PDB file of N, CA and C in Angstrom:
ATOM      1  N   MET A   1     123.610 111.248 123.461  1.00  0.00           N
ATOM      2  CA  MET A   1     124.134 112.367 124.397  1.00  0.00           C
ATOM      3  C   MET A   1     125.745 112.062 123.994  1.00  0.00           C
ATOM      4  N   ASP A   2     126.515 113.260 124.165  1.00  0.00           N
ATOM      5  CA  ASP A   2     127.864 113.247 123.681  1.00  0.00           C
ATOM      6  C   ASP A   2     128.695 113.113 124.618  1.00  0.00           C
ATOM      7  N   PHE A   3     129.897 112.728 124.418  1.00  0.00           N
ATOM      8  CA  PHE A   3     130.876 112.491 125.542  1.00  0.00           C
ATOM      9  C   PHE A   3     130.689 113.106 126.699  1.00  0.00           C
ATOM     10  N   GLY A   4     130.943 114.512 126.240  1.00  0.00           N
ATOM     11  CA  GLY A   4     131.254 115.376 127.273  1.00  0.00           C
ATOM     12  C   GLY A   4     130.144 115.400 128.378  1.00  0.00           C
ATOM     13  N   ASN A   5     128.884 115.254 127.813  1.00  0.00           N
ATOM     14  CA  ASN A   5     127.989 115.163 128.790  1.00  0.00           C
ATOM     15  C   ASN A   5     127.752 113.838 129.606  1.00  0.00           C
ATOM     16  N   LYS A   6     128.013 112.817 128.707  1.00  0.00           N
ATOM     17  CA  LYS A   6     127.838 111.489 129.431  1.00  0.00           C
ATOM     18  C   LYS A   6     128.845 111.226 130.484  1.00  0.00           C
ATOM     19  N   LEU A   7     130.315 111.925 130.387  1.00  0.00           N
ATOM     20  CA  LEU A   7     131.239 111.960 131.255  1.00  0.00           C
ATOM     21  C   LEU A   7     130.863 112.969 132.569  1.00  0.00           C
ATOM     22  N   LYS A   8     130.400 114.064 132.382  1.00  0.00           N
ATOM     23  CA  LYS A   8     129.813 114.888 133.413  1.00  0.00           C
ATOM     24  C   LYS A   8     128.761 114.087 134.154  1.00  0.00           C
ATOM     25  N   GLU A   9     127.682 113.492 133.436  1.00  0.00           N
ATOM     26  CA  GLU A   9     126.657 112.692 134.354  1.00  0.00           C
ATOM     27  C   GLU A   9     127.197 111.491 134.951  1.00  0.00           C
ATOM     28  N   LEU A  10     128.195 110.922 134.417  1.00  0.00           N
ATOM     29  CA  LEU A  10     128.694 109.744 135.272  1.00  0.00           C
ATOM     30  C   LEU A  10     129.748 110.266 136.575  1.00  0.00           C
ATOM     31  N   ARG A  11     130.378 111.312 136.137  1.00  0.00           N
ATOM     32  CA  ARG A  11     130.879 111.873 137.130  1.00  0.00           C
ATOM     33  C   ARG A  11     130.025 112.345 138.558  1.00  0.00           C
ATOM     34  N   THR A  12     129.046 113.225 138.187  1.00  0.00           N
ATOM     35  CA  THR A  12     128.274 113.753 139.085  1.00  0.00           C
ATOM     36  C   THR A  12     127.293 112.497 139.885  1.00  0.00           C
ATOM     37  N   GLN A  13     127.144 111.462 138.985  1.00  0.00           N
ATOM     38  CA  GLN A  13     126.430 110.325 139.644  1.00  0.00           C
ATOM     39  C   GLN A  13     127.104 109.487 140.748  1.00  0.00           C
ATOM     40  N   ASN A  14     128.340 109.614 140.578  1.00  0.00           N
ATOM     41  CA  ASN A  14     129.510 108.902 141.359  1.00  0.00           C
ATOM     42  C   ASN A  14     129.932 109.873 142.542  1.00  0.00           C
ATOM     43  N   GLY A  15     129.343 111.078 142.468  1.00  0.00           N
ATOM     44  CA  GLY A  15     129.811 112.092 143.476  1.00  0.00           C
ATOM     45  C   GLY A  15     131.113 112.492 143.486  1.00  0.00           C
ATOM     46  N   LEU A  16     131.639 112.508 142.436  1.00  0.00           N
ATOM     47  CA  LEU A  16     133.164 112.985 142.090  1.00  0.00           C
ATOM     48  C   LEU A  16     133.200 114.680 141.813  1.00  0.00           C
ATOM     49  N   THR A  17     134.213 115.164 142.073  1.00  0.00           N
ATOM     50  CA  THR A  17     134.441 116.431 141.556  1.00  0.00           C
ATOM     51  C   THR A  17     135.284 116.310 140.307  1.00  0.00           C
ATOM     52  N   GLN A  18     135.230 117.489 139.669  1.00  0.00           N
ATOM     53  CA  GLN A  18     136.352 117.357 138.546  1.00  0.00           C
ATOM     54  C   GLN A  18     137.859 116.968 139.176  1.00  0.00           C
ATOM     55  N   LYS A  19     137.975 117.604 140.037  1.00  0.00           N
ATOM     56  CA  LYS A  19     139.390 117.518 140.830  1.00  0.00           C
ATOM     57  C   LYS A  19     139.564 116.063 141.498  1.00  0.00           C
ATOM     58  N   GLN A  20     138.619 115.657 141.785  1.00  0.00           N
ATOM     59  CA  GLN A  20     138.623 113.954 142.335  1.00  0.00           C
ATOM     60  C   GLN A  20     139.025 113.110 141.202  1.00  0.00           C
ATOM     61  N   LEU A  21     138.117 113.132 140.202  1.00  0.00           N
ATOM     62  CA  LEU A  21     138.331 112.454 138.854  1.00  0.00           C
ATOM     63  C   LEU A  21     139.637 112.764 138.214  1.00  0.00           C
ATOM     64  N   ALA A  22     140.147 113.867 138.528  1.00  0.00           N
ATOM     65  CA  ALA A  22     141.377 114.079 137.535  1.00  0.00           C
ATOM     66  C   ALA A  22     142.415 113.502 138.404  1.00  0.00           C
ATOM     67  N   ASP A  23     142.331 113.731 139.586  1.00  0.00           N
ATOM     68  CA  ASP A  23     143.191 112.768 140.571  1.00  0.00           C
ATOM     69  C   ASP A  23     143.580 111.298 140.351  1.00  0.00           C
ATOM     70  N   GLN A  24     142.148 110.826 140.111  1.00  0.00           N
ATOM     71  CA  GLN A  24     142.241 109.313 139.734  1.00  0.00           C
ATOM     72  C   GLN A  24     142.970 109.169 138.370  1.00  0.00           C
ATOM     73  N   LEU A  25     142.695 109.818 137.283  1.00  0.00           N
ATOM     74  CA  LEU A  25     143.061 109.788 136.120  1.00  0.00           C
ATOM     75  C   LEU A  25     144.901 110.148 136.147  1.00  0.00           C
ATOM     76  N   GLY A  26     145.195 110.904 136.843  1.00  0.00           N
ATOM     77  CA  GLY A  26     146.456 111.281 136.699  1.00  0.00           C
ATOM     78  C   GLY A  26     146.532 112.839 135.748  1.00  0.00           C
ATOM     79  N   VAL A  27     145.579 113.654 135.708  1.00  0.00           N
ATOM     80  CA  VAL A  27     145.622 114.764 134.951  1.00  0.00           C
ATOM     81  C   VAL A  27     144.954 115.821 135.653  1.00  0.00           C
ATOM     82  N   THR A  28     145.112 116.968 135.206  1.00  0.00           N
ATOM     83  CA  THR A  28     144.784 118.249 135.925  1.00  0.00           C
ATOM     84  C   THR A  28     143.157 118.469 135.788  1.00  0.00           C
ATOM     85  N   LYS A  29     142.477 119.078 136.887  1.00  0.00           N
ATOM     86  CA  LYS A  29     141.099 119.560 136.768  1.00  0.00           C
ATOM     87  C   LYS A  29     140.458 119.892 135.383  1.00  0.00           C
ATOM     88  N   SER A  30     141.437 121.041 134.737  1.00  0.00           N
ATOM     89  CA  SER A  30     141.305 121.440 133.588  1.00  0.00           C
ATOM     90  C   SER A  30     141.116 120.710 132.404  1.00  0.00           C
ATOM     91  N   VAL A  31     142.110 119.680 132.650  1.00  0.00           N
ATOM     92  CA  VAL A  31     141.753 118.693 131.505  1.00  0.00           C
ATOM     93  C   VAL A  31     140.480 117.863 131.630  1.00  0.00           C
ATOM     94  N   VAL A  32     140.150 117.521 132.626  1.00  0.00           N
ATOM     95  CA  VAL A  32     138.519 116.810 132.888  1.00  0.00           C
ATOM     96  C   VAL A  32     137.682 118.072 132.349  1.00  0.00           C
ATOM     97  N   SER A  33     137.646 119.201 132.790  1.00  0.00           N
ATOM     98  CA  SER A  33     136.725 120.204 132.249  1.00  0.00           C
ATOM     99  C   SER A  33     136.708 120.249 130.700  1.00  0.00           C
ATOM    100  N   PHE A  34     138.050 119.982 130.084  1.00  0.00           N
ATOM    101  CA  PHE A  34     138.211 120.260 128.615  1.00  0.00           C
ATOM    102  C   PHE A  34     137.317 118.998 128.008  1.00  0.00           C
ATOM    103  N   TYR A  35     137.599 117.874 128.625  1.00  0.00           N
ATOM    104  CA  TYR A  35     136.814 116.583 128.064  1.00  0.00           C
ATOM    105  C   TYR A  35     135.252 116.909 128.175  1.00  0.00           C
ATOM    106  N   GLU A  36     134.801 117.659 129.698  1.00  0.00           N
ATOM    107  CA  GLU A  36     133.180 117.725 129.449  1.00  0.00           C
ATOM    108  C   GLU A  36     132.857 118.813 128.683  1.00  0.00           C
ATOM    109  N   ARG A  37     133.807 119.773 128.357  1.00  0.00           N
ATOM    110  CA  ARG A  37     133.304 120.793 127.291  1.00  0.00           C
ATOM    111  C   ARG A  37     133.526 120.374 125.836  1.00  0.00           C
ATOM    112  N   GLN A  38     133.981 119.134 125.804  1.00  0.00           N
ATOM    113  CA  GLN A  38     134.421 118.620 124.491  1.00  0.00           C
ATOM    114  C   GLN A  38     135.396 119.578 123.744  1.00  0.00           C
ATOM    115  N   GLU A  39     136.166 120.028 124.129  1.00  0.00           N
ATOM    116  CA  GLU A  39     137.250 120.852 123.727  1.00  0.00           C
ATOM    117  C   GLU A  39     138.687 119.951 123.722  1.00  0.00           C
ATOM    118  N   ARG A  40     138.896 119.042 124.023  1.00  0.00           N
ATOM    119  CA  ARG A  40     139.620 117.870 124.176  1.00  0.00           C
ATOM    120  C   ARG A  40     139.083 116.594 124.180  1.00  0.00           C
ATOM    121  N   THR A  41     139.990 115.635 123.438  1.00  0.00           N
ATOM    122  CA  THR A  41     139.542 114.021 123.504  1.00  0.00           C
ATOM    123  C   THR A  41     140.280 113.309 124.263  1.00  0.00           C
ATOM    124  N   PRO A  42     139.851 112.317 125.112  1.00  0.00           N
ATOM    125  CA  PRO A  42     140.810 111.770 125.965  1.00  0.00           C
ATOM    126  C   PRO A  42     141.466 110.792 124.898  1.00  0.00           C
ATOM    127  N   SER A  43     142.875 110.437 125.457  1.00  0.00           N
ATOM    128  CA  SER A  43     143.717 109.388 124.846  1.00  0.00           C
ATOM    129  C   SER A  43     143.491 107.967 124.874  1.00  0.00           C
ATOM    130  N   PRO A  44     143.509 107.179 124.085  1.00  0.00           N
ATOM    131  CA  PRO A  44     143.040 105.769 124.696  1.00  0.00           C
ATOM    132  C   PRO A  44     143.272 105.145 125.834  1.00  0.00           C
ATOM    133  N   ASP A  45     144.528 105.385 126.494  1.00  0.00           N
ATOM    134  CA  ASP A  45     144.986 105.308 128.051  1.00  0.00           C
ATOM    135  C   ASP A  45     144.058 105.999 128.757  1.00  0.00           C
ATOM    136  N   ILE A  46     143.611 107.077 129.018  1.00  0.00           N
ATOM    137  CA  ILE A  46     142.794 108.084 129.452  1.00  0.00           C
ATOM    138  C   ILE A  46     141.235 107.581 129.608  1.00  0.00           C
ATOM    139  N   LEU A  47     140.875 107.289 128.172  1.00  0.00           N
ATOM    140  CA  LEU A  47     139.706 106.305 127.906  1.00  0.00           C
ATOM    141  C   LEU A  47     139.388 105.187 128.690  1.00  0.00           C
ATOM    142  N   ARG A  48     140.397 104.121 128.853  1.00  0.00           N
ATOM    143  CA  ARG A  48     140.394 103.015 129.258  1.00  0.00           C
ATOM    144  C   ARG A  48     140.228 103.404 130.937  1.00  0.00           C
ATOM    145  N   LYS A  49     141.183 104.367 131.706  1.00  0.00           N
ATOM    146  CA  LYS A  49     140.820 104.861 133.001  1.00  0.00           C
ATOM    147  C   LYS A  49     139.655 105.262 133.342  1.00  0.00           C
ATOM    148  N   LEU A  50     138.964 106.004 132.251  1.00  0.00           N
ATOM    149  CA  LEU A  50     137.785 106.516 132.631  1.00  0.00           C
ATOM    150  C   LEU A  50     136.577 105.373 133.015  1.00  0.00           C
ATOM    151  N   ALA A  51     136.593 104.232 131.891  1.00  0.00           N
ATOM    152  CA  ALA A  51     135.858 103.176 131.759  1.00  0.00           C
ATOM    153  C   ALA A  51     136.063 102.542 133.323  1.00  0.00           C
ATOM    154  N   ALA A  52     137.306 101.933 133.604  1.00  0.00           N
ATOM    155  CA  ALA A  52     137.486 101.599 135.024  1.00  0.00           C
ATOM    156  C   ALA A  52     137.078 102.176 136.019  1.00  0.00           C
ATOM    157  N   VAL A  53     137.317 103.427 136.071  1.00  0.00           N
ATOM    158  CA  VAL A  53     136.742 104.148 137.142  1.00  0.00           C
ATOM    159  C   VAL A  53     135.187 104.256 137.417  1.00  0.00           C
ATOM    160  N   PHE A  54     134.537 104.328 136.219  1.00  0.00           N
ATOM    161  CA  PHE A  54     132.999 104.297 136.160  1.00  0.00           C
ATOM    162  C   PHE A  54     132.421 102.936 135.971  1.00  0.00           C
ATOM    163  N   HIS A  55     133.023 101.708 135.685  1.00  0.00           N
ATOM    164  CA  HIS A  55     132.613 100.443 135.523  1.00  0.00           C
ATOM    165  C   HIS A  55     131.759 100.278 134.310  1.00  0.00           C
ATOM    166  N   VAL A  56     132.269 101.149 133.203  1.00  0.00           N
ATOM    167  CA  VAL A  56     131.510 100.883 132.130  1.00  0.00           C
ATOM    168  C   VAL A  56     132.479 100.623 130.982  1.00  0.00           C
ATOM    169  N   SER A  57     131.967 100.192 129.869  1.00  0.00           N
ATOM    170  CA  SER A  57     133.002  99.823 128.722  1.00  0.00           C
ATOM    171  C   SER A  57     133.305 101.455 127.680  1.00  0.00           C
ATOM    172  N   SER A  58     134.243 101.121 127.221  1.00  0.00           N
ATOM    173  CA  SER A  58     134.830 102.517 126.539  1.00  0.00           C
ATOM    174  C   SER A  58     133.887 103.021 125.303  1.00  0.00           C
ATOM    175  N   ASP A  59     133.241 101.641 124.878  1.00  0.00           N
ATOM    176  CA  ASP A  59     132.326 101.754 123.908  1.00  0.00           C
ATOM    177  C   ASP A  59     130.881 102.708 124.330  1.00  0.00           C
ATOM    178  N   PHE A  60     130.568 102.419 125.795  1.00  0.00           N
ATOM    179  CA  PHE A  60     129.468 103.219 126.338  1.00  0.00           C
ATOM    180  C   PHE A  60     129.846 104.406 126.462  1.00  0.00           C
ATOM    181  N   LEU A  61     130.975 104.789 126.844  1.00  0.00           N
ATOM    182  CA  LEU A  61     131.581 106.122 127.138  1.00  0.00           C
ATOM    183  C   LEU A  61     131.763 106.990 125.791  1.00  0.00           C
ATOM    184  N   LEU A  62     131.954 106.328 124.718  1.00  0.00           N
ATOM    185  CA  LEU A  62     131.943 107.016 123.401  1.00  0.00           C
ATOM    186  C   LEU A  62     130.546 106.982 122.633  1.00  0.00           C
ATOM    187  N   GLY A  63     129.633 106.132 123.144  1.00  0.00           N
ATOM    188  CA  GLY A  63     128.355 106.268 122.762  1.00  0.00           C
ATOM    189  C   GLY A  63     128.032 105.520 121.700  1.00  0.00           C
ATOM    190  N   ILE A  64     128.945 104.379 121.478  1.00  0.00           N
ATOM    191  CA  ILE A  64     128.769 103.247 120.537  1.00  0.00           C
ATOM    192  C   ILE A  64     127.668 102.076 120.964  1.00  0.00           C
ATOM    193  N   ASP A  65     127.786 101.840 122.283  1.00  0.00           N
ATOM    194  CA  ASP A  65     127.048 101.072 123.092  1.00  0.00           C
ATOM    195  C   ASP A  65     126.312 101.723 123.655  1.00  0.00           C
ATOM    196  N   THR A  66     125.031 101.754 123.852  1.00  0.00           N
ATOM    197  CA  THR A  66     123.901 102.562 124.460  1.00  0.00           C
ATOM    198  C   THR A  66     123.590 101.620 125.728  1.00  0.00           C
ATOM    199  N   VAL A  67     123.969 100.463 125.862  1.00  0.00           N
ATOM    200  CA  VAL A  67     123.420  99.741 126.851  1.00  0.00           C
ATOM    201  C   VAL A  67     124.660  99.934 128.158  1.00  0.00           C
ATOM    202  N   LYS A  68     123.964 100.239 129.223  1.00  0.00           N
ATOM    203  CA  LYS A  68     124.709 100.278 130.555  1.00  0.00           C
ATOM    204  C   LYS A  68     124.821  98.736 131.224  1.00  0.00           C
ATOM    205  N   ARG A  69     126.021  98.730 131.329  1.00  0.00           N
ATOM    206  CA  ARG A  69     126.390  97.075 131.829  1.00  0.00           C
ATOM    207  C   ARG A  69     126.536  97.197 133.419  1.00  0.00           C
ATOM    208  N   LEU A  70     126.406  96.251 133.905  1.00  0.00           N
ATOM    209  CA  LEU A  70     126.579  96.260 135.302  1.00  0.00           C
ATOM    210  C   LEU A  70     127.904  95.662 135.721  1.00  0.00           C
ATOM    211  N   ASP A  71     128.657  95.828 136.570  1.00  0.00           N
ATOM    212  CA  ASP A  71     129.896  95.330 136.901  1.00  0.00           C
ATOM    213  C   ASP A  71     129.377  94.312 138.086  1.00  0.00           C
ATOM    214  N   ILE A  72     129.801  93.035 138.028  1.00  0.00           N
ATOM    215  CA  ILE A  72     129.612  92.274 139.156  1.00  0.00           C
ATOM    216  C   ILE A  72     130.939  91.420 139.449  1.00  0.00           C
ATOM    217  N   SER A  73     132.115  92.047 138.940  1.00  0.00           N
ATOM    218  CA  SER A  73     133.214  91.447 139.239  1.00  0.00           C
ATOM    219  C   SER A  73     133.331  91.705 140.794  1.00  0.00           C
ATOM    220  N   ASN A  74     134.167  90.721 141.579  1.00  0.00           N
ATOM    221  CA  ASN A  74     134.293  90.562 142.956  1.00  0.00           C
ATOM    222  C   ASN A  74     133.052  90.257 143.893  1.00  0.00           C
ATOM    223  N   LEU A  75     132.005  89.653 142.882  1.00  0.00           N
ATOM    224  CA  LEU A  75     130.859  89.013 143.667  1.00  0.00           C
ATOM    225  C   LEU A  75     131.284  87.725 143.621  1.00  0.00           C
ATOM    226  N   ASP A  76     130.522  86.953 144.638  1.00  0.00           N
ATOM    227  CA  ASP A  76     130.520  85.574 144.663  1.00  0.00           C
ATOM    228  C   ASP A  76     129.307  84.775 143.898  1.00  0.00           C
ATOM    229  N   ASP A  77     129.092  83.644 143.800  1.00  0.00           N
ATOM    230  CA  ASP A  77     128.343  82.901 142.777  1.00  0.00           C
ATOM    231  C   ASP A  77     126.938  83.486 143.411  1.00  0.00           C
ATOM    232  N   ASP A  78     126.740  83.291 144.765  1.00  0.00           N
ATOM    233  CA  ASP A  78     125.395  83.718 145.559  1.00  0.00           C
ATOM    234  C   ASP A  78     125.094  84.974 145.514  1.00  0.00           C
ATOM    235  N   ASP A  79     125.954  85.814 145.424  1.00  0.00           N
ATOM    236  CA  ASP A  79     125.741  87.318 145.107  1.00  0.00           C
ATOM    237  C   ASP A  79     125.162  87.545 143.686  1.00  0.00           C
ATOM    238  N   ILE A  80     125.770  86.838 142.880  1.00  0.00           N
ATOM    239  CA  ILE A  80     125.265  87.247 141.298  1.00  0.00           C
ATOM    240  C   ILE A  80     124.016  86.602 141.220  1.00  0.00           C
ATOM    241  N   GLN A  81     123.672  85.320 141.514  1.00  0.00           N
ATOM    242  CA  GLN A  81     122.561  85.077 141.696  1.00  0.00           C
ATOM    243  C   GLN A  81     121.334  85.801 142.282  1.00  0.00           C
ATOM    244  N   LEU A  82     121.688  86.682 143.246  1.00  0.00           N
ATOM    245  CA  LEU A  82     120.611  87.139 143.962  1.00  0.00           C
ATOM    246  C   LEU A  82     120.488  88.522 142.826  1.00  0.00           C
ATOM    247  N   VAL A  83     121.579  88.996 142.532  1.00  0.00           N
ATOM    248  CA  VAL A  83     121.572  90.237 141.519  1.00  0.00           C
ATOM    249  C   VAL A  83     120.746  89.765 140.259  1.00  0.00           C
ATOM    250  N   SER A  84     120.661  88.666 139.801  1.00  0.00           N
ATOM    251  CA  SER A  84     120.200  88.414 138.618  1.00  0.00           C
ATOM    252  C   SER A  84     118.656  87.967 139.050  1.00  0.00           C
ATOM    253  N   LEU A  85     118.168  87.670 139.882  1.00  0.00           N
ATOM    254  CA  LEU A  85     117.118  87.592 140.371  1.00  0.00           C
ATOM    255  C   LEU A  85     116.401  89.037 140.720  1.00  0.00           C
ATOM    256  N   LEU A  86     117.024  89.642 141.191  1.00  0.00           N
ATOM    257  CA  LEU A  86     116.398  91.227 141.261  1.00  0.00           C
ATOM    258  C   LEU A  86     116.276  91.946 140.039  1.00  0.00           C
ATOM    259  N   VAL A  87     117.472  91.698 139.218  1.00  0.00           N
ATOM    260  CA  VAL A  87     117.243  92.327 137.665  1.00  0.00           C
ATOM    261  C   VAL A  87     115.857  91.810 137.130  1.00  0.00           C
ATOM    262  N   ASP A  88     115.798  90.459 137.051  1.00  0.00           N
ATOM    263  CA  ASP A  88     114.669  89.669 136.599  1.00  0.00           C
ATOM    264  C   ASP A  88     113.142  90.044 136.940  1.00  0.00           C
ATOM    265  N   ARG A  89     113.140  90.425 138.404  1.00  0.00           N
ATOM    266  CA  ARG A  89     112.032  90.719 139.035  1.00  0.00           C
ATOM    267  C   ARG A  89     111.775  92.408 138.540  1.00  0.00           C
ATOM    268  N   LEU A  90     112.962  93.003 138.480  1.00  0.00           N
ATOM    269  CA  LEU A  90     112.455  94.732 138.158  1.00  0.00           C
ATOM    270  C   LEU A  90     112.075  94.653 136.612  1.00  0.00           C
ATOM    271  N   ARG A  91     112.490  93.833 135.858  1.00  0.00           N
ATOM    272  CA  ARG A  91     112.293  93.745 134.387  1.00  0.00           C
ATOM    273  C   ARG A  91     110.880  93.671 134.052  1.00  0.00           C
ATOM    274  N   LYS A  92     110.384  92.314 135.004  1.00  0.00           N
ATOM    275  CA  LYS A  92     108.891  92.044 135.140  1.00  0.00           C
ATOM    276  C   LYS A  92     108.029  93.115 135.449  1.00  0.00           C
ATOM    277  N   LYS A  93     108.357  93.882 136.439  1.00  0.00           N
ATOM    278  CA  LYS A  93     107.567  94.997 137.028  1.00  0.00           C
ATOM    279  C   LYS A  93     107.288  96.031 136.062  1.00  0.00           C
ATOM    280  N   ASN A  94     108.670  96.341 135.474  1.00  0.00           N
ATOM    281  CA  ASN A  94     108.522  97.405 134.457  1.00  0.00           C
ATOM    282  C   ASN A  94     107.910  97.231 133.183  1.00  0.00           C
ATOM    283  N   SER A  95     107.623  95.787 133.033  1.00  0.00           N
ATOM    284  CA  SER A  95     107.330  95.479 131.498  1.00  0.00           C
ATOM    285  C   SER A  95     105.743  95.759 131.678  1.00  0.00           C
ATOM    286  N   LYS A  96     105.248  95.590 132.894  1.00  0.00           N
ATOM    287  CA  LYS A  96     103.730  95.731 133.084  1.00  0.00           C
ATOM    288  C   LYS A  96     103.069  97.070 133.069  1.00  0.00           C
ATOM    289  N   LYS A  97     104.158  98.096 133.061  1.00  0.00           N
ATOM    290  CA  LYS A  97     103.850  99.443 133.313  1.00  0.00           C
ATOM    291  C   LYS A  97     103.470  99.771 131.655  1.00  0.00           C
TER     292      LYS A  97
END
């Protein structure tokens, strides 16, 4: 998937309009539209901001890393253990299919 489509998918999955995302990035709505249509490439600073907004790596945004990672920052140790158990259970369930 190319950068523009990935950006649009992440934006819509997070319930953001182009304007809302633009406001978070400090750019105009048309700039976000240009990114989604691959008519412009974001600067390294904007790429870093996009990664922070969507809790993904810049490598994921650029298609270098295809693994979507889960951001567990701000969770305590008990919460992290619970998330890990849930992930393990889901992997086992899905491997039986």
